[in-house]
Amino acid sequence: MKIADWMKTELVTVAGETTIEEAINLLVEKRVGTLPVVAADGRLLGLVTMKRILKQFLPDFFDLKMNIDHIEDFGAMELPSRERQALMSRQVAGVMERNPVTVSTECTVFSAVNIMSRHNIYDLLIADKGFLKGLVSTVDLGVAFLHWIKSSAELSEKESSSPQDDD
């Protein structure tokens, strides 16, 4: 199974000049966690994730909170408005991951799962010759495996119910 058969091609992307505030608005409005950063010609420049943006606003607290879920915020959400506004007006090019993990459209679903597991990522970008082609999420891969299981079961059922030739 090739990744190209399961990837999303209608993606929400941003330019490097997009502000963090605009990126936050897109993440919330479109309900996505990943924003590929692309040039006007479609070249992949980087990746901005919800987690990466959150770490800009709550660097130490975010790591702590992700590991210890019972600790109260102790005012960590009270970032001074001037500092918050300065962060909001920064461009995503300054905070994006510059070398995101990518695979080509020829990658198999099995390889994609392995790569995502090794890199601890939930969304995998698909690029060919530096140009963004799509994105596959862990949900997309789960659907691919469910489809494979269903197809295998149906094939197995057909084989077991077909009449045997008696010679």
N, C-alpha and C. Protein backbone atom coordinates (compact mmCIF):
# COMPACT_ATOMS: atom_id res chain seq x y z
N MET A 1 0.85 -1.18 0.00
CA MET A 1 0.00 0.00 0.00
C MET A 1 0.89 1.24 0.00
N LYS A 2 0.70 2.07 -0.98
CA LYS A 2 1.48 3.32 -1.10
C LYS A 2 0.82 4.44 -0.31
N ILE A 3 1.64 5.28 0.26
CA ILE A 3 1.16 6.42 1.05
C ILE A 3 0.34 7.39 0.19
N ALA A 4 0.67 7.48 -1.08
CA ALA A 4 -0.04 8.39 -1.99
C ALA A 4 -1.53 8.07 -2.06
N ASP A 5 -1.92 6.81 -1.81
CA ASP A 5 -3.33 6.42 -1.85
C ASP A 5 -4.09 6.86 -0.60
N TRP A 6 -3.39 7.26 0.45
CA TRP A 6 -4.03 7.57 1.72
C TRP A 6 -3.77 8.99 2.21
N MET A 7 -2.91 9.72 1.53
CA MET A 7 -2.58 11.07 1.98
C MET A 7 -3.68 12.08 1.64
N LYS A 8 -3.72 13.12 2.45
CA LYS A 8 -4.60 14.26 2.15
C LYS A 8 -3.83 15.18 1.21
N THR A 9 -4.52 15.71 0.23
CA THR A 9 -3.85 16.64 -0.69
C THR A 9 -4.41 18.06 -0.57
N GLU A 10 -5.58 18.19 0.03
CA GLU A 10 -6.17 19.51 0.28
C GLU A 10 -5.71 19.93 1.66
N LEU A 11 -4.61 20.67 1.72
CA LEU A 11 -4.00 21.00 3.00
C LEU A 11 -4.16 22.47 3.35
N VAL A 12 -4.14 22.74 4.63
CA VAL A 12 -4.08 24.11 5.12
C VAL A 12 -2.60 24.42 5.27
N THR A 13 -2.11 25.38 4.50
CA THR A 13 -0.68 25.73 4.53
C THR A 13 -0.55 27.22 4.82
N VAL A 14 0.65 27.62 5.18
CA VAL A 14 0.95 29.03 5.41
C VAL A 14 2.26 29.39 4.73
N ALA A 15 2.43 30.68 4.53
CA ALA A 15 3.70 31.21 4.02
C ALA A 15 4.59 31.55 5.22
N GLY A 16 5.85 31.69 4.99
CA GLY A 16 6.78 32.04 6.06
C GLY A 16 6.49 33.38 6.71
N GLU A 17 5.85 34.28 5.97
CA GLU A 17 5.55 35.62 6.48
C GLU A 17 4.29 35.64 7.34
N THR A 18 3.55 34.57 7.37
CA THR A 18 2.34 34.49 8.18
C THR A 18 2.70 34.74 9.64
N THR A 19 1.89 35.52 10.33
CA THR A 19 2.16 35.77 11.75
C THR A 19 1.68 34.59 12.59
N ILE A 20 2.23 34.50 13.77
CA ILE A 20 1.80 33.45 14.69
C ILE A 20 0.31 33.61 15.00
N GLU A 21 -0.16 34.84 15.12
CA GLU A 21 -1.58 35.07 15.37
C GLU A 21 -2.43 34.50 14.23
N GLU A 22 -2.02 34.72 13.00
CA GLU A 22 -2.75 34.18 11.85
C GLU A 22 -2.70 32.64 11.85
N ALA A 23 -1.55 32.10 12.22
CA ALA A 23 -1.41 30.64 12.28
C ALA A 23 -2.32 30.06 13.36
N ILE A 24 -2.38 30.72 14.51
CA ILE A 24 -3.27 30.27 15.60
C ILE A 24 -4.72 30.28 15.11
N ASN A 25 -5.10 31.35 14.44
CA ASN A 25 -6.47 31.44 13.92
C ASN A 25 -6.78 30.29 12.97
N LEU A 26 -5.83 29.95 12.10
CA LEU A 26 -6.03 28.83 11.17
C LEU A 26 -6.13 27.49 11.89
N LEU A 27 -5.24 27.28 12.86
CA LEU A 27 -5.26 26.03 13.62
C LEU A 27 -6.62 25.83 14.30
N VAL A 28 -7.14 26.91 14.87
CA VAL A 28 -8.42 26.83 15.57
C VAL A 28 -9.58 26.69 14.58
N GLU A 29 -9.60 27.54 13.58
CA GLU A 29 -10.70 27.55 12.60
C GLU A 29 -10.79 26.25 11.81
N LYS A 30 -9.66 25.75 11.35
CA LYS A 30 -9.64 24.55 10.50
C LYS A 30 -9.53 23.25 11.31
N ARG A 31 -9.31 23.39 12.62
CA ARG A 31 -9.19 22.23 13.50
C ARG A 31 -8.10 21.26 13.05
N VAL A 32 -6.93 21.82 12.81
CA VAL A 32 -5.76 21.03 12.44
C VAL A 32 -4.66 21.29 13.46
N GLY A 33 -3.69 20.42 13.51
CA GLY A 33 -2.59 20.59 14.44
C GLY A 33 -1.26 20.85 13.76
N THR A 34 -1.28 20.82 12.42
CA THR A 34 -0.06 20.94 11.63
C THR A 34 -0.28 21.91 10.49
N LEU A 35 0.66 22.84 10.33
CA LEU A 35 0.62 23.77 9.20
C LEU A 35 1.95 23.70 8.44
N PRO A 36 1.96 23.07 7.28
CA PRO A 36 3.17 23.12 6.46
C PRO A 36 3.42 24.57 6.02
N VAL A 37 4.66 24.96 6.02
CA VAL A 37 5.05 26.29 5.56
C VAL A 37 5.62 26.12 4.16
N VAL A 38 5.00 26.78 3.19
CA VAL A 38 5.39 26.60 1.80
C VAL A 38 5.67 27.93 1.11
N ALA A 39 6.54 27.88 0.11
CA ALA A 39 6.81 29.03 -0.74
C ALA A 39 5.68 29.17 -1.75
N ALA A 40 5.64 30.26 -2.45
CA ALA A 40 4.58 30.51 -3.45
C ALA A 40 4.55 29.43 -4.52
N ASP A 41 5.68 28.83 -4.83
CA ASP A 41 5.73 27.80 -5.87
C ASP A 41 5.44 26.39 -5.35
N GLY A 42 5.12 26.27 -4.06
CA GLY A 42 4.79 24.96 -3.49
C GLY A 42 5.94 24.24 -2.83
N ARG A 43 7.13 24.84 -2.87
CA ARG A 43 8.28 24.22 -2.19
C ARG A 43 8.04 24.21 -0.69
N LEU A 44 8.36 23.10 -0.06
CA LEU A 44 8.21 22.97 1.39
C LEU A 44 9.36 23.68 2.08
N LEU A 45 9.03 24.64 2.95
CA LEU A 45 10.04 25.39 3.68
C LEU A 45 10.21 24.92 5.12
N GLY A 46 9.12 24.41 5.68
CA GLY A 46 9.17 24.00 7.07
C GLY A 46 7.80 23.56 7.56
N LEU A 47 7.68 23.50 8.88
CA LEU A 47 6.47 23.00 9.50
C LEU A 47 6.24 23.73 10.82
N VAL A 48 5.00 24.16 11.03
CA VAL A 48 4.61 24.76 12.30
C VAL A 48 3.50 23.89 12.87
N THR A 49 3.63 23.50 14.13
CA THR A 49 2.62 22.69 14.77
C THR A 49 2.02 23.45 15.95
N MET A 50 0.86 22.99 16.36
CA MET A 50 0.21 23.57 17.53
C MET A 50 1.15 23.49 18.73
N LYS A 51 1.78 22.37 18.91
CA LYS A 51 2.69 22.17 20.04
C LYS A 51 3.84 23.18 20.00
N ARG A 52 4.38 23.41 18.82
CA ARG A 52 5.50 24.35 18.67
C ARG A 52 5.07 25.77 19.04
N ILE A 53 3.87 26.15 18.63
CA ILE A 53 3.36 27.49 18.97
C ILE A 53 3.10 27.59 20.46
N LEU A 54 2.48 26.57 21.03
CA LEU A 54 2.21 26.59 22.47
C LEU A 54 3.50 26.73 23.27
N LYS A 55 4.54 26.07 22.82
CA LYS A 55 5.83 26.16 23.53
C LYS A 55 6.42 27.57 23.48
N GLN A 56 6.05 28.36 22.47
CA GLN A 56 6.51 29.75 22.40
C GLN A 56 5.90 30.57 23.54
N PHE A 57 4.67 30.26 23.88
CA PHE A 57 3.96 31.02 24.90
C PHE A 57 4.18 30.48 26.30
N LEU A 58 4.38 29.18 26.42
CA LEU A 58 4.53 28.53 27.73
C LEU A 58 5.70 27.55 27.70
N PRO A 59 6.91 28.03 27.47
CA PRO A 59 8.03 27.10 27.23
C PRO A 59 8.28 26.09 28.34
N ASP A 60 8.51 26.52 29.55
CA ASP A 60 8.82 25.58 30.63
C ASP A 60 7.57 24.88 31.12
N PHE A 61 6.52 25.64 31.26
CA PHE A 61 5.29 25.09 31.78
C PHE A 61 4.71 24.03 30.86
N PHE A 62 4.80 24.24 29.57
CA PHE A 62 4.22 23.29 28.62
C PHE A 62 4.85 21.92 28.78
N ASP A 63 6.16 21.85 28.88
CA ASP A 63 6.83 20.57 29.06
C ASP A 63 6.43 19.92 30.38
N LEU A 64 6.35 20.71 31.43
CA LEU A 64 5.98 20.19 32.73
C LEU A 64 4.54 19.68 32.71
N LYS A 65 3.65 20.48 32.17
CA LYS A 65 2.23 20.12 32.13
C LYS A 65 1.99 18.87 31.29
N MET A 66 2.76 18.69 30.23
CA MET A 66 2.58 17.50 29.38
C MET A 66 2.96 16.23 30.13
N ASN A 67 3.84 16.36 31.12
CA ASN A 67 4.31 15.18 31.84
C ASN A 67 3.61 14.97 33.18
N ILE A 68 3.09 16.03 33.76
CA ILE A 68 2.44 15.94 35.07
C ILE A 68 1.09 16.62 34.96
N ASP A 69 0.06 15.85 34.72
CA ASP A 69 -1.25 16.44 34.42
C ASP A 69 -2.03 16.93 35.63
N HIS A 70 -1.57 16.69 36.83
CA HIS A 70 -2.33 17.10 38.00
C HIS A 70 -1.86 18.43 38.60
N ILE A 71 -0.83 19.06 38.03
CA ILE A 71 -0.32 20.32 38.56
C ILE A 71 -1.15 21.48 38.02
N GLU A 72 -1.52 22.39 38.91
CA GLU A 72 -2.28 23.57 38.50
C GLU A 72 -1.35 24.51 37.72
N ASP A 73 -1.94 25.48 37.01
CA ASP A 73 -1.13 26.35 36.16
C ASP A 73 -0.35 27.42 36.92
N PHE A 74 -0.68 27.72 38.16
CA PHE A 74 0.05 28.68 38.98
C PHE A 74 0.33 29.98 38.24
N GLY A 75 -0.63 30.45 37.48
CA GLY A 75 -0.49 31.73 36.79
C GLY A 75 0.31 31.68 35.51
N ALA A 76 0.64 30.50 35.04
CA ALA A 76 1.46 30.39 33.83
C ALA A 76 0.74 30.93 32.60
N MET A 77 -0.56 31.01 32.65
CA MET A 77 -1.31 31.53 31.52
C MET A 77 -1.37 33.05 31.53
N GLU A 78 -0.80 33.66 32.53
CA GLU A 78 -0.86 35.11 32.68
C GLU A 78 0.37 35.79 32.08
N LEU A 79 0.62 35.55 30.82
CA LEU A 79 1.72 36.17 30.11
C LEU A 79 1.42 37.66 29.95
N PRO A 80 2.36 38.54 30.26
CA PRO A 80 2.10 39.99 30.10
C PRO A 80 1.64 40.31 28.68
N SER A 81 0.67 41.21 28.56
CA SER A 81 0.07 41.48 27.26
C SER A 81 1.08 41.99 26.23
N ARG A 82 2.06 42.77 26.63
CA ARG A 82 3.07 43.27 25.68
C ARG A 82 3.89 42.11 25.12
N GLU A 83 4.28 41.21 26.00
CA GLU A 83 5.07 40.04 25.57
C GLU A 83 4.21 39.12 24.69
N ARG A 84 2.96 38.92 25.06
CA ARG A 84 2.04 38.10 24.28
C ARG A 84 1.85 38.69 22.89
N GLN A 85 1.66 40.00 22.82
CA GLN A 85 1.45 40.66 21.52
C GLN A 85 2.70 40.57 20.65
N ALA A 86 3.88 40.69 21.27
CA ALA A 86 5.13 40.56 20.52
C ALA A 86 5.24 39.17 19.90
N LEU A 87 4.87 38.15 20.66
CA LEU A 87 4.91 36.79 20.13
C LEU A 87 3.90 36.60 19.00
N MET A 88 2.71 37.16 19.17
CA MET A 88 1.65 37.02 18.18
C MET A 88 2.03 37.63 16.83
N SER A 89 2.83 38.68 16.86
CA SER A 89 3.18 39.37 15.62
C SER A 89 4.42 38.79 14.94
N ARG A 90 5.09 37.83 15.58
CA ARG A 90 6.25 37.18 14.95
C ARG A 90 5.81 36.35 13.76
N GLN A 91 6.71 36.19 12.80
CA GLN A 91 6.42 35.37 11.63
C GLN A 91 6.69 33.90 11.93
N VAL A 92 5.90 33.03 11.30
CA VAL A 92 6.09 31.60 11.54
C VAL A 92 7.45 31.11 11.05
N ALA A 93 8.05 31.81 10.11
CA ALA A 93 9.39 31.42 9.64
C ALA A 93 10.40 31.40 10.78
N GLY A 94 10.16 32.22 11.80
CA GLY A 94 11.07 32.28 12.94
C GLY A 94 10.88 31.16 13.95
N VAL A 95 9.77 30.46 13.89
CA VAL A 95 9.50 29.40 14.86
C VAL A 95 9.29 28.03 14.21
N MET A 96 9.24 27.99 12.90
CA MET A 96 8.96 26.72 12.23
C MET A 96 10.12 25.74 12.34
N GLU A 97 9.78 24.47 12.23
CA GLU A 97 10.79 23.43 12.12
C GLU A 97 11.29 23.47 10.69
N ARG A 98 12.58 23.69 10.51
CA ARG A 98 13.12 23.92 9.16
C ARG A 98 13.35 22.65 8.35
N ASN A 99 13.56 21.55 9.00
CA ASN A 99 13.80 20.28 8.30
C ASN A 99 12.83 19.22 8.78
N PRO A 100 11.55 19.38 8.47
CA PRO A 100 10.60 18.38 8.96
C PRO A 100 10.81 17.03 8.30
N VAL A 101 10.39 16.01 8.99
CA VAL A 101 10.46 14.65 8.45
C VAL A 101 9.49 14.56 7.28
N THR A 102 9.97 14.07 6.15
CA THR A 102 9.13 13.89 4.96
C THR A 102 9.41 12.53 4.34
N VAL A 103 8.46 12.09 3.54
CA VAL A 103 8.64 10.89 2.73
C VAL A 103 8.14 11.21 1.33
N SER A 104 8.49 10.38 0.38
CA SER A 104 8.01 10.58 -0.99
C SER A 104 6.67 9.87 -1.17
N THR A 105 6.02 10.14 -2.27
CA THR A 105 4.73 9.51 -2.57
C THR A 105 4.89 8.00 -2.78
N GLU A 106 6.10 7.54 -3.01
CA GLU A 106 6.36 6.11 -3.21
C GLU A 106 6.50 5.34 -1.90
N CYS A 107 6.54 6.04 -0.79
CA CYS A 107 6.68 5.40 0.52
C CYS A 107 5.49 4.48 0.77
N THR A 108 5.72 3.37 1.43
CA THR A 108 4.62 2.46 1.76
C THR A 108 4.00 2.89 3.09
N VAL A 109 2.77 2.46 3.31
CA VAL A 109 2.08 2.74 4.56
C VAL A 109 2.86 2.15 5.74
N PHE A 110 3.38 0.96 5.56
CA PHE A 110 4.14 0.30 6.63
C PHE A 110 5.39 1.10 6.99
N SER A 111 6.10 1.61 5.99
CA SER A 111 7.28 2.44 6.25
C SER A 111 6.90 3.74 6.94
N ALA A 112 5.78 4.33 6.53
CA ALA A 112 5.33 5.58 7.13
C ALA A 112 5.05 5.41 8.62
N VAL A 113 4.41 4.30 8.97
CA VAL A 113 4.13 4.03 10.38
C VAL A 113 5.44 3.93 11.16
N ASN A 114 6.40 3.24 10.60
CA ASN A 114 7.70 3.08 11.25
C ASN A 114 8.39 4.44 11.43
N ILE A 115 8.39 5.26 10.40
CA ILE A 115 9.03 6.58 10.45
C ILE A 115 8.34 7.47 11.48
N MET A 116 7.01 7.48 11.48
CA MET A 116 6.28 8.31 12.43
C MET A 116 6.53 7.86 13.86
N SER A 117 6.62 6.58 14.07
CA SER A 117 6.90 6.04 15.40
C SER A 117 8.30 6.42 15.87
N ARG A 118 9.28 6.27 14.99
CA ARG A 118 10.66 6.60 15.34
C ARG A 118 10.85 8.07 15.67
N HIS A 119 10.11 8.93 14.97
CA HIS A 119 10.26 10.38 15.16
C HIS A 119 9.20 10.96 16.09
N ASN A 120 8.34 10.10 16.63
CA ASN A 120 7.29 10.52 17.55
C ASN A 120 6.45 11.68 16.99
N ILE A 121 5.94 11.48 15.77
CA ILE A 121 5.11 12.50 15.12
C ILE A 121 3.76 11.90 14.75
N TYR A 122 2.75 12.75 14.66
CA TYR A 122 1.40 12.30 14.37
C TYR A 122 0.96 12.65 12.94
N ASP A 123 1.69 13.55 12.32
CA ASP A 123 1.42 13.95 10.94
C ASP A 123 2.73 13.85 10.17
N LEU A 124 2.68 13.26 8.99
CA LEU A 124 3.87 13.07 8.18
C LEU A 124 3.66 13.77 6.84
N LEU A 125 4.60 14.64 6.49
CA LEU A 125 4.50 15.37 5.23
C LEU A 125 5.03 14.51 4.08
N ILE A 126 4.37 14.62 2.95
CA ILE A 126 4.79 13.91 1.75
C ILE A 126 5.28 14.96 0.77
N ALA A 127 6.51 14.80 0.33
CA ALA A 127 7.12 15.77 -0.59
C ALA A 127 7.93 15.01 -1.64
N ASP A 128 7.93 15.54 -2.84
CA ASP A 128 8.76 15.00 -3.91
C ASP A 128 9.61 16.14 -4.46
N LYS A 129 10.91 15.91 -4.47
CA LYS A 129 11.87 16.90 -4.97
C LYS A 129 11.68 18.26 -4.30
N GLY A 130 11.36 18.24 -3.00
CA GLY A 130 11.23 19.48 -2.23
C GLY A 130 9.87 20.15 -2.31
N PHE A 131 8.95 19.60 -3.09
CA PHE A 131 7.62 20.19 -3.24
C PHE A 131 6.60 19.40 -2.43
N LEU A 132 5.81 20.11 -1.66
CA LEU A 132 4.79 19.48 -0.83
C LEU A 132 3.72 18.83 -1.70
N LYS A 133 3.43 17.58 -1.43
CA LYS A 133 2.42 16.84 -2.17
C LYS A 133 1.21 16.48 -1.32
N GLY A 134 1.43 16.30 -0.01
CA GLY A 134 0.33 15.92 0.86
C GLY A 134 0.78 15.71 2.29
N LEU A 135 -0.13 15.15 3.05
CA LEU A 135 0.12 14.90 4.46
C LEU A 135 -0.68 13.66 4.84
N VAL A 136 -0.12 12.84 5.68
CA VAL A 136 -0.83 11.68 6.20
C VAL A 136 -0.73 11.72 7.72
N SER A 137 -1.85 11.46 8.37
CA SER A 137 -1.89 11.46 9.83
C SER A 137 -1.98 10.02 10.34
N THR A 138 -1.83 9.87 11.64
CA THR A 138 -1.98 8.54 12.22
C THR A 138 -3.39 8.00 11.98
N VAL A 139 -4.37 8.89 11.96
CA VAL A 139 -5.75 8.46 11.67
C VAL A 139 -5.84 7.94 10.24
N ASP A 140 -5.23 8.64 9.29
CA ASP A 140 -5.24 8.18 7.89
C ASP A 140 -4.60 6.80 7.78
N LEU A 141 -3.51 6.58 8.50
CA LEU A 141 -2.84 5.28 8.44
C LEU A 141 -3.69 4.20 9.10
N GLY A 142 -4.37 4.56 10.19
CA GLY A 142 -5.29 3.61 10.83
C GLY A 142 -6.39 3.19 9.87
N VAL A 143 -6.94 4.15 9.14
CA VAL A 143 -7.98 3.85 8.14
C VAL A 143 -7.42 2.95 7.05
N ALA A 144 -6.18 3.21 6.63
CA ALA A 144 -5.55 2.37 5.61
C ALA A 144 -5.43 0.93 6.09
N PHE A 145 -5.00 0.75 7.34
CA PHE A 145 -4.87 -0.61 7.88
C PHE A 145 -6.23 -1.28 8.04
N LEU A 146 -7.24 -0.53 8.48
CA LEU A 146 -8.59 -1.10 8.59
C LEU A 146 -9.11 -1.54 7.23
N HIS A 147 -8.84 -0.73 6.22
CA HIS A 147 -9.23 -1.08 4.85
C HIS A 147 -8.53 -2.37 4.41
N TRP A 148 -7.25 -2.45 4.71
CA TRP A 148 -6.47 -3.64 4.36
C TRP A 148 -7.02 -4.88 5.06
N ILE A 149 -7.34 -4.75 6.36
CA ILE A 149 -7.89 -5.87 7.12
C ILE A 149 -9.22 -6.32 6.52
N LYS A 150 -10.08 -5.34 6.22
CA LYS A 150 -11.39 -5.65 5.64
C LYS A 150 -11.23 -6.33 4.28
N SER A 151 -10.37 -5.79 3.43
CA SER A 151 -10.13 -6.38 2.11
C SER A 151 -9.59 -7.79 2.21
N SER A 152 -8.67 -8.00 3.14
CA SER A 152 -8.08 -9.33 3.34
C SER A 152 -9.13 -10.32 3.80
N ALA A 153 -10.01 -9.88 4.69
CA ALA A 153 -11.07 -10.75 5.21
C ALA A 153 -12.04 -11.10 4.10
N GLU A 154 -12.41 -10.12 3.28
CA GLU A 154 -13.34 -10.37 2.17
C GLU A 154 -12.73 -11.33 1.15
N LEU A 155 -11.45 -11.14 0.85
CA LEU A 155 -10.76 -12.03 -0.09
C LEU A 155 -10.70 -13.45 0.47
N SER A 156 -10.40 -13.56 1.73
CA SER A 156 -10.32 -14.85 2.39
C SER A 156 -11.68 -15.55 2.38
N GLU A 157 -12.73 -14.77 2.60
CA GLU A 157 -14.09 -15.31 2.59
C GLU A 157 -14.47 -15.81 1.20
N LYS A 158 -14.11 -15.05 0.17
CA LYS A 158 -14.41 -15.45 -1.21
C LYS A 158 -13.68 -16.74 -1.56
N GLU A 159 -12.41 -16.83 -1.14
CA GLU A 159 -11.62 -18.02 -1.44
C GLU A 159 -12.19 -19.25 -0.75
N SER A 160 -12.67 -19.09 0.47
CA SER A 160 -13.18 -20.25 1.20
C SER A 160 -14.57 -20.66 0.75
N SER A 161 -15.32 -19.74 0.13
CA SER A 161 -16.67 -20.09 -0.31
C SER A 161 -16.75 -20.47 -1.78
N SER A 162 -15.66 -20.36 -2.51
CA SER A 162 -15.68 -20.72 -3.94
C SER A 162 -15.62 -22.24 -4.07
N PRO A 163 -16.37 -22.78 -5.04
CA PRO A 163 -16.40 -24.26 -5.22
C PRO A 163 -15.02 -24.79 -5.63
N GLN A 164 -14.69 -25.92 -5.08
CA GLN A 164 -13.43 -26.57 -5.40
C GLN A 164 -13.63 -27.47 -6.62
N ASP A 165 -12.65 -27.49 -7.48
CA ASP A 165 -12.70 -28.37 -8.65
C ASP A 165 -12.36 -29.79 -8.23
N ASP A 166 -13.20 -30.71 -8.55
CA ASP A 166 -12.91 -32.12 -8.27
C ASP A 166 -12.52 -32.80 -9.56
N ASP A 167 -11.31 -33.25 -9.67
CA ASP A 167 -10.84 -33.95 -10.88
C ASP A 167 -10.75 -35.41 -10.66
